[in-house]
Amino acid sequence: MLQSSIIAVLFLLVPAKGFLPRVDPSPWNEILYKYVNQQHLVNYAKLKEQDWKKLRNYLTNLAQPGSEPLSHAAKEALLINAYNAM
């Protein structure tokens, strides 16, 4: 429920003529490969201990305004990653 609310807020924060940010997904991918096991379980304790700052930086980048339009596929990927990262 909280994640759905956050995504809704992301949509509301982008003005009609504004753009979503172009964010490098590599930090998020590194986190996924390092802390999610084959059963799709996340080792939150290890993530918090070792890479919390990397996750916070990634989320901060998601909150920045964009400067150019994104393709539909890029928007979709960005919003899915934002939803999952939160």
C-alpha atoms as a PDB file:
ATOM      1  CA  MET A   1       0.000   0.000   0.000  1.00  0.00           C
ATOM      2  CA  LEU A   2       2.779   2.424   0.936  1.00  0.00           C
ATOM      3  CA  GLN A   3       4.680   1.673  -2.278  1.00  0.00           C
ATOM      4  CA  SER A   4       1.564   2.322  -4.361  1.00  0.00           C
ATOM      5  CA  SER A   5       1.137   5.653  -2.616  1.00  0.00           C
ATOM      6  CA  ILE A   6       4.761   6.563  -3.294  1.00  0.00           C
ATOM      7  CA  ILE A   7       4.411   5.773  -6.998  1.00  0.00           C
ATOM      8  CA  ALA A   8       1.225   7.840  -7.140  1.00  0.00           C
ATOM      9  CA  VAL A   9       3.107  10.737  -5.568  1.00  0.00           C
ATOM     10  CA  LEU A  10       5.874  10.358  -8.175  1.00  0.00           C
ATOM     11  CA  PHE A  11       3.283  10.800 -10.910  1.00  0.00           C
ATOM     12  CA  LEU A  12       1.777  13.822  -9.165  1.00  0.00           C
ATOM     13  CA  LEU A  13       5.149  15.482  -8.660  1.00  0.00           C
ATOM     14  CA  VAL A  14       5.966  15.474 -12.372  1.00  0.00           C
ATOM     15  CA  PRO A  15       4.297  18.539 -13.896  1.00  0.00           C
ATOM     16  CA  ALA A  16       2.472  18.120 -17.181  1.00  0.00           C
ATOM     17  CA  LYS A  17       5.409  19.622 -19.062  1.00  0.00           C
ATOM     18  CA  GLY A  18       8.056  18.147 -16.728  1.00  0.00           C
ATOM     19  CA  PHE A  19      10.159  15.071 -17.221  1.00  0.00           C
ATOM     20  CA  LEU A  20      11.138  12.059 -15.187  1.00  0.00           C
ATOM     21  CA  PRO A  21      14.864  11.781 -14.430  1.00  0.00           C
ATOM     22  CA  ARG A  22      17.232   9.662 -16.485  1.00  0.00           C
ATOM     23  CA  VAL A  23      18.772   7.492 -13.754  1.00  0.00           C
ATOM     24  CA  ASP A  24      21.623   5.028 -14.154  1.00  0.00           C
ATOM     25  CA  PRO A  25      20.160   1.672 -13.008  1.00  0.00           C
ATOM     26  CA  SER A  26      23.556   0.055 -12.332  1.00  0.00           C
ATOM     27  CA  PRO A  27      23.604   0.808  -8.556  1.00  0.00           C
ATOM     28  CA  TRP A  28      20.150  -0.751  -8.226  1.00  0.00           C
ATOM     29  CA  ASN A  29      21.210  -3.774 -10.289  1.00  0.00           C
ATOM     30  CA  GLU A  30      24.301  -4.229  -8.104  1.00  0.00           C
ATOM     31  CA  ILE A  31      22.125  -4.178  -4.986  1.00  0.00           C
ATOM     32  CA  LEU A  32      19.746  -6.745  -6.465  1.00  0.00           C
ATOM     33  CA  TYR A  33      22.532  -9.132  -7.468  1.00  0.00           C
ATOM     34  CA  LYS A  34      24.281  -8.781  -4.130  1.00  0.00           C
ATOM     35  CA  TYR A  35      21.355  -8.984  -1.691  1.00  0.00           C
ATOM     36  CA  VAL A  36      18.550 -10.942  -3.389  1.00  0.00           C
ATOM     37  CA  ASN A  37      18.948 -14.717  -3.392  1.00  0.00           C
ATOM     38  CA  GLN A  38      17.607 -17.328  -5.831  1.00  0.00           C
ATOM     39  CA  GLN A  39      14.416 -17.622  -3.791  1.00  0.00           C
ATOM     40  CA  HIS A  40      13.876 -13.861  -4.322  1.00  0.00           C
ATOM     41  CA  LEU A  41      14.438 -13.086  -0.645  1.00  0.00           C
ATOM     42  CA  VAL A  42      16.266  -9.894   0.292  1.00  0.00           C
ATOM     43  CA  ASN A  43      18.959  -9.883   2.966  1.00  0.00           C
ATOM     44  CA  TYR A  44      17.894  -6.546   4.458  1.00  0.00           C
ATOM     45  CA  ALA A  45      20.260  -6.745   7.426  1.00  0.00           C
ATOM     46  CA  LYS A  46      23.307  -7.154   5.182  1.00  0.00           C
ATOM     47  CA  LEU A  47      22.053  -4.456   2.800  1.00  0.00           C
ATOM     48  CA  LYS A  48      21.573  -2.007   5.669  1.00  0.00           C
ATOM     49  CA  GLU A  49      24.997  -2.851   7.062  1.00  0.00           C
ATOM     50  CA  GLN A  50      26.952  -2.668   3.809  1.00  0.00           C
ATOM     51  CA  ASP A  51      25.175  -0.664   1.098  1.00  0.00           C
ATOM     52  CA  TRP A  52      22.488   1.484   2.692  1.00  0.00           C
ATOM     53  CA  LYS A  53      24.217   4.627   1.400  1.00  0.00           C
ATOM     54  CA  LYS A  54      24.231   3.282  -2.170  1.00  0.00           C
ATOM     55  CA  LEU A  55      20.489   2.636  -1.965  1.00  0.00           C
ATOM     56  CA  ARG A  56      19.808   6.085  -0.491  1.00  0.00           C
ATOM     57  CA  ASN A  57      21.871   7.725  -3.260  1.00  0.00           C
ATOM     58  CA  TYR A  58      19.936   5.789  -5.898  1.00  0.00           C
ATOM     59  CA  LEU A  59      16.618   6.910  -4.367  1.00  0.00           C
ATOM     60  CA  THR A  60      17.879  10.491  -4.212  1.00  0.00           C
ATOM     61  CA  ASN A  61      18.679  10.359  -7.921  1.00  0.00           C
ATOM     62  CA  LEU A  62      15.134   9.149  -8.607  1.00  0.00           C
ATOM     63  CA  ALA A  63      13.789  12.274  -6.897  1.00  0.00           C
ATOM     64  CA  GLN A  64      15.659  14.693  -9.187  1.00  0.00           C
ATOM     65  CA  PRO A  65      13.790  16.447 -11.998  1.00  0.00           C
ATOM     66  CA  GLY A  66      14.478  15.275 -15.520  1.00  0.00           C
ATOM     67  CA  SER A  67      15.626  17.493 -18.354  1.00  0.00           C
ATOM     68  CA  GLU A  68      14.418  15.553 -21.389  1.00  0.00           C
ATOM     69  CA  PRO A  69      11.600  13.187 -22.279  1.00  0.00           C
ATOM     70  CA  LEU A  70      12.041   9.443 -21.785  1.00  0.00           C
ATOM     71  CA  SER A  71      10.754   6.720 -24.059  1.00  0.00           C
ATOM     72  CA  HIS A  72       7.761   4.720 -22.860  1.00  0.00           C
ATOM     73  CA  ALA A  73      10.022   1.735 -22.089  1.00  0.00           C
ATOM     74  CA  ALA A  74      12.467   3.925 -20.142  1.00  0.00           C
ATOM     75  CA  LYS A  75       9.611   5.478 -18.113  1.00  0.00           C
ATOM     76  CA  GLU A  76       8.204   2.050 -17.361  1.00  0.00           C
ATOM     77  CA  ALA A  77      11.599   0.688 -16.250  1.00  0.00           C
ATOM     78  CA  LEU A  78      12.264   3.768 -14.113  1.00  0.00           C
ATOM     79  CA  LEU A  79       8.922   3.555 -12.321  1.00  0.00           C
ATOM     80  CA  ILE A  80       9.184  -0.199 -11.751  1.00  0.00           C
ATOM     81  CA  ASN A  81      12.687   0.218 -10.319  1.00  0.00           C
ATOM     82  CA  ALA A  82      11.519   3.141  -8.153  1.00  0.00           C
ATOM     83  CA  TYR A  83       8.619   1.087  -6.824  1.00  0.00           C
ATOM     84  CA  ASN A  84      10.865  -1.862  -6.010  1.00  0.00           C
ATOM     85  CA  ALA A  85      13.630   0.250  -4.473  1.00  0.00           C
ATOM     86  CA  MET A  86      11.243   1.878  -2.045  1.00  0.00           C
END
